[in-house]
Amino acid sequence: MVLQTIEEVMDLAPVIPVLTIENIDHAVPLASALVRGGLRAIEITLRTEAALNAISAIASAVPGAVPGVGTVIGVEDLSLAKAAGARFAVSPGYAADLVAAAADLGLPYLPGIATASEAMAAQRAGLRCLKLFPAEAMGGAKTLAALAGPYPRLIFCPTGGIGRNNAGDYLALGNVRCVGGSWVAPPDLVRGEDWDAICELASLAAGLDR
């Protein structure tokens, strides 16, 4: 399945796992557990030295996975991740040069915004799909509901402070297509290599209404 747009990535499931992979040996079994549970789009953040190798391993060894790169803050991040096998990219903030670079690479891209002004700048640049980050710290579901008024075309993947307890509040909003979160792969379960438990958490997340 070839995904051409970030909206297609967002449509895959109600939750995009956000992973910080420390141990490269965990990359393939972790991604496999998430895919078995129904979460195909997987964001691997560029917060560890293992990140790019983890993307490459998942891209080559986990059928059905759609690995993406997160915490993209520079143009070089995009090109390195694309070369590693990333099929989408996510940033914590909005920068016009990253939007242009992602378009040049043909890499579906989800930039982050935190304010109405940033949302307006992104919309004026031709974007429709955005990440709200840090979602809970910026007012959460109430902020997204308020943004729907002046920006009815925009759709969001809020991330930051979202867990199983409040994901449904976001997914109930008309301008939220999916949410990002790390709760489907808790560090203790990853360290303990409890892939069945992670698969179960992924299955529960994949079954959330939206």
C-alpha atoms as a PDB file:
ATOM      1  CA  MET A   1       0.000   0.000   0.000  1.00  0.00           C
ATOM      2  CA  VAL A   2       1.516   3.309  -1.109  1.00  0.00           C
ATOM      3  CA  LEU A   3       0.566   6.290   1.025  1.00  0.00           C
ATOM      4  CA  GLN A   4       0.803   9.573  -0.839  1.00  0.00           C
ATOM      5  CA  THR A   5      -0.424  12.038   1.792  1.00  0.00           C
ATOM      6  CA  ILE A   6      -0.199  12.571   5.522  1.00  0.00           C
ATOM      7  CA  GLU A   7      -3.997  12.423   5.668  1.00  0.00           C
ATOM      8  CA  GLU A   8      -3.835   8.822   4.445  1.00  0.00           C
ATOM      9  CA  VAL A   9      -1.374   8.045   7.249  1.00  0.00           C
ATOM     10  CA  MET A  10      -3.695   9.661   9.800  1.00  0.00           C
ATOM     11  CA  ASP A  11      -6.584   7.583   8.500  1.00  0.00           C
ATOM     12  CA  LEU A  12      -4.852   4.258   9.223  1.00  0.00           C
ATOM     13  CA  ALA A  13      -5.874   4.117  12.907  1.00  0.00           C
ATOM     14  CA  PRO A  14      -7.155   6.395  15.671  1.00  0.00           C
ATOM     15  CA  VAL A  15      -3.766   6.320  17.423  1.00  0.00           C
ATOM     16  CA  ILE A  16      -0.224   6.801  16.135  1.00  0.00           C
ATOM     17  CA  PRO A  17       2.248   5.348  18.647  1.00  0.00           C
ATOM     18  CA  VAL A  18       5.078   7.736  19.489  1.00  0.00           C
ATOM     19  CA  LEU A  19       8.192   5.709  20.291  1.00  0.00           C
ATOM     20  CA  THR A  20      11.578   6.599  21.727  1.00  0.00           C
ATOM     21  CA  ILE A  21      13.645   3.507  21.001  1.00  0.00           C
ATOM     22  CA  GLU A  22      16.805   3.116  23.065  1.00  0.00           C
ATOM     23  CA  ASN A  23      17.681  -0.487  22.163  1.00  0.00           C
ATOM     24  CA  ILE A  24      17.789  -1.349  18.469  1.00  0.00           C
ATOM     25  CA  ASP A  25      17.010  -4.989  19.318  1.00  0.00           C
ATOM     26  CA  HIS A  26      13.555  -3.863  20.462  1.00  0.00           C
ATOM     27  CA  ALA A  27      12.624  -2.115  17.211  1.00  0.00           C
ATOM     28  CA  VAL A  28      11.305  -5.036  15.156  1.00  0.00           C
ATOM     29  CA  PRO A  29       9.443  -6.967  17.898  1.00  0.00           C
ATOM     30  CA  LEU A  30       7.937  -3.733  19.232  1.00  0.00           C
ATOM     31  CA  ALA A  31       6.711  -2.631  15.809  1.00  0.00           C
ATOM     32  CA  SER A  32       5.432  -6.140  15.094  1.00  0.00           C
ATOM     33  CA  ALA A  33       3.397  -6.101  18.309  1.00  0.00           C
ATOM     34  CA  LEU A  34       1.875  -2.732  17.444  1.00  0.00           C
ATOM     35  CA  VAL A  35       0.990  -3.832  13.910  1.00  0.00           C
ATOM     36  CA  ARG A  36      -0.569  -7.069  15.201  1.00  0.00           C
ATOM     37  CA  GLY A  37      -2.696  -4.919  17.486  1.00  0.00           C
ATOM     38  CA  GLY A  38      -3.902  -2.800  14.563  1.00  0.00           C
ATOM     39  CA  LEU A  39      -1.597   0.237  14.721  1.00  0.00           C
ATOM     40  CA  ARG A  40       0.328   0.403  11.452  1.00  0.00           C
ATOM     41  CA  ALA A  41       1.599   3.987  11.441  1.00  0.00           C
ATOM     42  CA  ILE A  42       4.444   4.210  13.951  1.00  0.00           C
ATOM     43  CA  GLU A  43       6.375   7.378  14.785  1.00  0.00           C
ATOM     44  CA  ILE A  44       9.988   6.845  15.889  1.00  0.00           C
ATOM     45  CA  THR A  45      11.364  10.007  17.464  1.00  0.00           C
ATOM     46  CA  LEU A  46      14.857  11.287  16.719  1.00  0.00           C
ATOM     47  CA  ARG A  47      15.696  11.404  20.404  1.00  0.00           C
ATOM     48  CA  THR A  48      18.111   8.487  20.525  1.00  0.00           C
ATOM     49  CA  GLU A  49      21.116   7.292  18.544  1.00  0.00           C
ATOM     50  CA  ALA A  50      19.159   4.162  17.632  1.00  0.00           C
ATOM     51  CA  ALA A  51      16.320   6.033  15.921  1.00  0.00           C
ATOM     52  CA  LEU A  52      17.413   5.914  12.274  1.00  0.00           C
ATOM     53  CA  ASN A  53      18.557   2.305  12.519  1.00  0.00           C
ATOM     54  CA  ALA A  54      15.230   1.451  14.156  1.00  0.00           C
ATOM     55  CA  ILE A  55      13.342   3.019  11.242  1.00  0.00           C
ATOM     56  CA  SER A  56      15.443   1.058   8.773  1.00  0.00           C
ATOM     57  CA  ALA A  57      14.941  -2.219  10.634  1.00  0.00           C
ATOM     58  CA  ILE A  58      11.175  -1.749  10.882  1.00  0.00           C
ATOM     59  CA  ALA A  59      10.883  -0.713   7.231  1.00  0.00           C
ATOM     60  CA  SER A  60      12.676  -3.838   6.058  1.00  0.00           C
ATOM     61  CA  ALA A  61      11.457  -6.455   8.535  1.00  0.00           C
ATOM     62  CA  VAL A  62       7.892  -5.630   9.634  1.00  0.00           C
ATOM     63  CA  PRO A  63       5.304  -6.217   6.885  1.00  0.00           C
ATOM     64  CA  GLY A  64       2.360  -3.879   7.224  1.00  0.00           C
ATOM     65  CA  ALA A  65       4.216  -1.304   9.293  1.00  0.00           C
ATOM     66  CA  VAL A  66       4.305   2.309   8.150  1.00  0.00           C
ATOM     67  CA  PRO A  67       7.334   3.694   9.989  1.00  0.00           C
ATOM     68  CA  GLY A  68       7.651   7.424  10.357  1.00  0.00           C
ATOM     69  CA  VAL A  69      10.140   9.800  11.896  1.00  0.00           C
ATOM     70  CA  GLY A  70       9.330  12.221  14.708  1.00  0.00           C
ATOM     71  CA  THR A  71      11.039  15.191  16.368  1.00  0.00           C
ATOM     72  CA  VAL A  72      12.137  16.482  12.966  1.00  0.00           C
ATOM     73  CA  ILE A  73      13.681  19.921  13.485  1.00  0.00           C
ATOM     74  CA  GLY A  74      16.028  20.263  10.519  1.00  0.00           C
ATOM     75  CA  VAL A  75      16.050  19.620   6.788  1.00  0.00           C
ATOM     76  CA  GLU A  76      18.811  17.039   7.187  1.00  0.00           C
ATOM     77  CA  ASP A  77      16.554  15.053   9.539  1.00  0.00           C
ATOM     78  CA  LEU A  78      14.088  14.623   6.699  1.00  0.00           C
ATOM     79  CA  SER A  79      16.598  13.399   4.142  1.00  0.00           C
ATOM     80  CA  LEU A  80      18.285  10.990   6.559  1.00  0.00           C
ATOM     81  CA  ALA A  81      14.959   9.565   7.664  1.00  0.00           C
ATOM     82  CA  LYS A  82      13.706   9.165   4.110  1.00  0.00           C
ATOM     83  CA  ALA A  83      16.901   7.310   3.227  1.00  0.00           C
ATOM     84  CA  ALA A  84      16.394   5.051   6.251  1.00  0.00           C
ATOM     85  CA  GLY A  85      12.922   4.097   5.074  1.00  0.00           C
ATOM     86  CA  ALA A  86      10.624   6.554   6.834  1.00  0.00           C
ATOM     87  CA  ARG A  87       7.282   6.903   5.085  1.00  0.00           C
ATOM     88  CA  PHE A  88       6.105  10.018   6.911  1.00  0.00           C
ATOM     89  CA  ALA A  89       7.583  12.726   9.126  1.00  0.00           C
ATOM     90  CA  VAL A  90       6.377  14.684  12.143  1.00  0.00           C
ATOM     91  CA  SER A  91       7.708  17.884  13.728  1.00  0.00           C
ATOM     92  CA  PRO A  92       6.972  19.488  17.093  1.00  0.00           C
ATOM     93  CA  GLY A  93       6.648  22.887  15.431  1.00  0.00           C
ATOM     94  CA  TYR A  94       6.037  24.669  12.130  1.00  0.00           C
ATOM     95  CA  ALA A  95       8.810  25.902   9.806  1.00  0.00           C
ATOM     96  CA  ALA A  96       8.354  26.834   6.160  1.00  0.00           C
ATOM     97  CA  ASP A  97      11.693  25.334   5.073  1.00  0.00           C
ATOM     98  CA  LEU A  98      10.728  21.939   6.476  1.00  0.00           C
ATOM     99  CA  VAL A  99       7.399  22.046   4.656  1.00  0.00           C
ATOM    100  CA  ALA A 100       9.213  22.761   1.399  1.00  0.00           C
ATOM    101  CA  ALA A 101      11.877  20.118   1.986  1.00  0.00           C
ATOM    102  CA  ALA A 102       9.323  17.420   2.781  1.00  0.00           C
ATOM    103  CA  ALA A 103       7.432  18.291  -0.392  1.00  0.00           C
ATOM    104  CA  ASP A 104      10.636  18.078  -2.450  1.00  0.00           C
ATOM    105  CA  LEU A 105      11.357  14.632  -0.966  1.00  0.00           C
ATOM    106  CA  GLY A 106       7.799  13.435  -1.510  1.00  0.00           C
ATOM    107  CA  LEU A 107       7.578  12.617   2.200  1.00  0.00           C
ATOM    108  CA  PRO A 108       4.140  13.007   3.830  1.00  0.00           C
ATOM    109  CA  TYR A 109       4.658  15.580   6.574  1.00  0.00           C
ATOM    110  CA  LEU A 110       2.830  16.605   9.755  1.00  0.00           C
ATOM    111  CA  PRO A 111       4.140  19.829  11.301  1.00  0.00           C
ATOM    112  CA  GLY A 112       3.158  20.884  14.791  1.00  0.00           C
ATOM    113  CA  ILE A 113       1.407  24.060  15.864  1.00  0.00           C
ATOM    114  CA  ALA A 114       0.523  25.395  19.304  1.00  0.00           C
ATOM    115  CA  THR A 115      -1.356  28.637  18.614  1.00  0.00           C
ATOM    116  CA  ALA A 116      -4.045  30.106  16.378  1.00  0.00           C
ATOM    117  CA  SER A 117      -1.403  32.252  14.675  1.00  0.00           C
ATOM    118  CA  GLU A 118       0.651  29.189  13.761  1.00  0.00           C
ATOM    119  CA  ALA A 119      -2.475  27.431  12.517  1.00  0.00           C
ATOM    120  CA  MET A 120      -3.205  30.406  10.267  1.00  0.00           C
ATOM    121  CA  ALA A 121       0.366  30.462   8.931  1.00  0.00           C
ATOM    122  CA  ALA A 122       0.211  26.750   8.162  1.00  0.00           C
ATOM    123  CA  GLN A 123      -3.151  27.066   6.426  1.00  0.00           C
ATOM    124  CA  ARG A 124      -1.883  30.001   4.355  1.00  0.00           C
ATOM    125  CA  ALA A 125       1.040  27.777   3.297  1.00  0.00           C
ATOM    126  CA  GLY A 126      -1.466  25.311   1.869  1.00  0.00           C
ATOM    127  CA  LEU A 127      -1.463  22.753   4.689  1.00  0.00           C
ATOM    128  CA  ARG A 128      -4.557  21.000   5.983  1.00  0.00           C
ATOM    129  CA  CYS A 129      -3.191  18.376   8.402  1.00  0.00           C
ATOM    130  CA  LEU A 130      -1.443  19.533  11.545  1.00  0.00           C
ATOM    131  CA  LYS A 131      -0.274  18.256  14.894  1.00  0.00           C
ATOM    132  CA  LEU A 132      -1.283  20.158  18.045  1.00  0.00           C
ATOM    133  CA  PHE A 133       1.668  19.980  20.437  1.00  0.00           C
ATOM    134  CA  PRO A 134       1.926  19.915  23.384  1.00  0.00           C
ATOM    135  CA  ALA A 135      -1.795  19.224  23.330  1.00  0.00           C
ATOM    136  CA  GLU A 136      -2.696  19.035  27.007  1.00  0.00           C
ATOM    137  CA  ALA A 137      -0.401  21.905  27.980  1.00  0.00           C
ATOM    138  CA  MET A 138      -1.970  24.097  25.272  1.00  0.00           C
ATOM    139  CA  GLY A 139      -5.535  23.592  26.472  1.00  0.00           C
ATOM    140  CA  GLY A 140      -6.305  20.161  25.105  1.00  0.00           C
ATOM    141  CA  ALA A 141      -9.654  19.322  23.555  1.00  0.00           C
ATOM    142  CA  LYS A 142     -11.084  22.749  24.420  1.00  0.00           C
ATOM    143  CA  THR A 143      -8.404  24.453  22.337  1.00  0.00           C
ATOM    144  CA  LEU A 144      -9.054  22.193  19.372  1.00  0.00           C
ATOM    145  CA  ALA A 145     -12.787  22.778  19.617  1.00  0.00           C
ATOM    146  CA  ALA A 146     -12.130  26.532  19.596  1.00  0.00           C
ATOM    147  CA  LEU A 147      -9.812  26.297  16.575  1.00  0.00           C
ATOM    148  CA  ALA A 148     -12.551  24.551  14.581  1.00  0.00           C
ATOM    149  CA  GLY A 149     -14.468  27.832  14.331  1.00  0.00           C
ATOM    150  CA  PRO A 150     -11.981  29.992  12.418  1.00  0.00           C
ATOM    151  CA  TYR A 151     -10.232  27.028  10.768  1.00  0.00           C
ATOM    152  CA  PRO A 152     -12.942  24.561   9.695  1.00  0.00           C
ATOM    153  CA  ARG A 153     -10.720  22.967   6.992  1.00  0.00           C
ATOM    154  CA  LEU A 154      -7.900  21.961   9.317  1.00  0.00           C
ATOM    155  CA  ILE A 155      -7.635  18.481  10.788  1.00  0.00           C
ATOM    156  CA  PHE A 156      -5.398  17.550  13.676  1.00  0.00           C
ATOM    157  CA  CYS A 157      -3.390  14.834  15.335  1.00  0.00           C
ATOM    158  CA  PRO A 158      -2.946  16.149  18.880  1.00  0.00           C
ATOM    159  CA  THR A 159       0.051  14.805  20.800  1.00  0.00           C
ATOM    160  CA  GLY A 160       1.461  15.485  24.242  1.00  0.00           C
ATOM    161  CA  GLY A 161      -0.114  14.396  27.504  1.00  0.00           C
ATOM    162  CA  ILE A 162      -2.630  12.113  25.799  1.00  0.00           C
ATOM    163  CA  GLY A 163      -3.315   8.672  27.226  1.00  0.00           C
ATOM    164  CA  ARG A 164      -5.959   6.017  27.272  1.00  0.00           C
ATOM    165  CA  ASN A 165      -7.954   8.032  29.822  1.00  0.00           C
ATOM    166  CA  ASN A 166      -8.415  11.125  27.651  1.00  0.00           C
ATOM    167  CA  ALA A 167      -7.852  10.009  24.044  1.00  0.00           C
ATOM    168  CA  GLY A 168     -11.594   9.642  23.525  1.00  0.00           C
ATOM    169  CA  ASP A 169     -12.170  13.309  24.415  1.00  0.00           C
ATOM    170  CA  TYR A 170      -9.983  14.319  21.491  1.00  0.00           C
ATOM    171  CA  LEU A 171     -11.235  11.714  19.035  1.00  0.00           C
ATOM    172  CA  ALA A 172     -14.817  12.863  19.620  1.00  0.00           C
ATOM    173  CA  LEU A 173     -13.981  16.224  17.999  1.00  0.00           C
ATOM    174  CA  GLY A 174     -14.809  16.711  14.347  1.00  0.00           C
ATOM    175  CA  ASN A 175     -11.427  18.240  13.538  1.00  0.00           C
ATOM    176  CA  VAL A 176      -9.385  15.425  15.115  1.00  0.00           C
ATOM    177  CA  ARG A 177      -8.518  12.525  12.826  1.00  0.00           C
ATOM    178  CA  CYS A 178      -6.198  10.656  15.212  1.00  0.00           C
ATOM    179  CA  VAL A 179      -4.051  11.196  18.295  1.00  0.00           C
ATOM    180  CA  GLY A 180      -0.404  10.508  19.018  1.00  0.00           C
ATOM    181  CA  GLY A 181       0.721   8.887  22.216  1.00  0.00           C
ATOM    182  CA  SER A 182       3.287   6.728  23.942  1.00  0.00           C
ATOM    183  CA  TRP A 183       0.930   4.915  26.304  1.00  0.00           C
ATOM    184  CA  VAL A 184       0.572   1.952  23.953  1.00  0.00           C
ATOM    185  CA  ALA A 185       4.247   1.079  24.487  1.00  0.00           C
ATOM    186  CA  PRO A 186       5.114   1.852  28.125  1.00  0.00           C
ATOM    187  CA  PRO A 187       8.860   1.802  28.844  1.00  0.00           C
ATOM    188  CA  ASP A 188       8.529  -0.927  31.476  1.00  0.00           C
ATOM    189  CA  LEU A 189       6.802  -3.277  29.031  1.00  0.00           C
ATOM    190  CA  VAL A 190       9.381  -2.504  26.342  1.00  0.00           C
ATOM    191  CA  ARG A 191      12.284  -3.132  28.703  1.00  0.00           C
ATOM    192  CA  GLY A 192      10.609  -6.352  29.824  1.00  0.00           C
ATOM    193  CA  GLU A 193       9.994  -7.330  26.190  1.00  0.00           C
ATOM    194  CA  ASP A 194       6.335  -8.043  26.957  1.00  0.00           C
ATOM    195  CA  TRP A 195       5.227  -7.831  23.346  1.00  0.00           C
ATOM    196  CA  ASP A 196       1.892  -9.563  23.984  1.00  0.00           C
ATOM    197  CA  ALA A 197       0.908  -6.912  26.525  1.00  0.00           C
ATOM    198  CA  ILE A 198       1.866  -4.162  24.083  1.00  0.00           C
ATOM    199  CA  CYS A 199      -0.147  -5.881  21.360  1.00  0.00           C
ATOM    200  CA  GLU A 200      -3.170  -5.839  23.679  1.00  0.00           C
ATOM    201  CA  LEU A 201      -2.722  -2.128  24.413  1.00  0.00           C
ATOM    202  CA  ALA A 202      -2.454  -1.470  20.683  1.00  0.00           C
ATOM    203  CA  SER A 203      -5.638  -3.446  20.036  1.00  0.00           C
ATOM    204  CA  LEU A 204      -7.522  -1.378  22.610  1.00  0.00           C
ATOM    205  CA  ALA A 205      -6.199   1.823  21.039  1.00  0.00           C
ATOM    206  CA  ALA A 206      -7.068   0.688  17.522  1.00  0.00           C
ATOM    207  CA  GLY A 207     -10.630   0.078  18.674  1.00  0.00           C
ATOM    208  CA  LEU A 208     -11.229   3.612  19.919  1.00  0.00           C
ATOM    209  CA  ASP A 209     -14.125   5.419  18.259  1.00  0.00           C
ATOM    210  CA  ARG A 210     -13.511   8.447  16.090  1.00  0.00           C
END
